[in-house]
Amino acid sequence: MDIMRLNAPILAMSSVGAVAPSDPLYVWPIPSGELQANALMTRN
């Protein structure tokens, strides 16, 4: 997603507030290479 690649905040939607990249609730995607190389990883 460009939002995460650009380190931009996740925008607010109706009753949910925006999430800044510095917030612990910000979810970072797991790279596909890591999923292929590490059998212990699960998709998020």
Protein backbone atom coordinates (compact mmCIF):
# COMPACT_ATOMS: atom_id res chain seq x y z
CA MET A 1 0.00 0.00 0.00
CA ASP A 2 1.26 3.46 -0.81
CA ILE A 3 0.10 4.75 2.59
CA MET A 4 2.61 2.54 4.40
CA ARG A 5 5.34 2.88 1.76
CA LEU A 6 5.13 6.67 2.09
CA ASN A 7 4.92 6.51 5.92
CA ALA A 8 1.62 8.43 5.79
CA PRO A 9 -1.11 8.33 8.45
CA ILE A 10 -4.03 5.95 7.94
CA LEU A 11 -6.99 8.26 7.43
CA ALA A 12 -10.04 8.43 9.69
CA MET A 13 -13.29 6.73 8.65
CA SER A 14 -16.68 7.57 10.24
CA SER A 15 -16.30 6.73 13.96
CA VAL A 16 -12.65 5.57 13.77
CA GLY A 17 -9.90 8.16 14.17
CA ALA A 18 -6.75 8.50 12.07
CA VAL A 19 -3.69 6.39 12.96
CA ALA A 20 -0.24 8.01 12.75
CA PRO A 21 2.81 5.91 11.71
CA SER A 22 4.27 6.44 15.21
CA ASP A 23 1.14 4.93 16.86
CA PRO A 24 1.48 1.30 18.08
CA LEU A 25 -1.85 0.53 16.34
CA TYR A 26 -0.28 1.21 12.92
CA VAL A 27 0.05 -2.18 11.16
CA TRP A 28 3.11 -2.80 8.98
CA PRO A 29 2.75 -5.43 6.25
CA ILE A 30 4.99 -8.51 6.23
CA PRO A 31 7.13 -8.64 3.04
CA SER A 32 6.29 -11.58 0.75
CA GLY A 33 9.95 -12.65 0.78
CA GLU A 34 9.79 -13.01 4.57
CA LEU A 35 6.62 -15.11 4.30
CA GLN A 36 8.32 -17.43 1.79
CA ALA A 37 11.60 -17.76 3.70
CA ASN A 38 10.23 -18.05 7.25
CA ALA A 39 7.80 -20.94 7.80
CA LEU A 40 6.88 -19.56 11.26
CA MET A 41 5.42 -16.34 9.80
CA THR A 42 1.69 -16.04 9.10
CA ARG A 43 -0.01 -13.55 6.79
CA ASN A 44 -1.47 -10.48 8.50
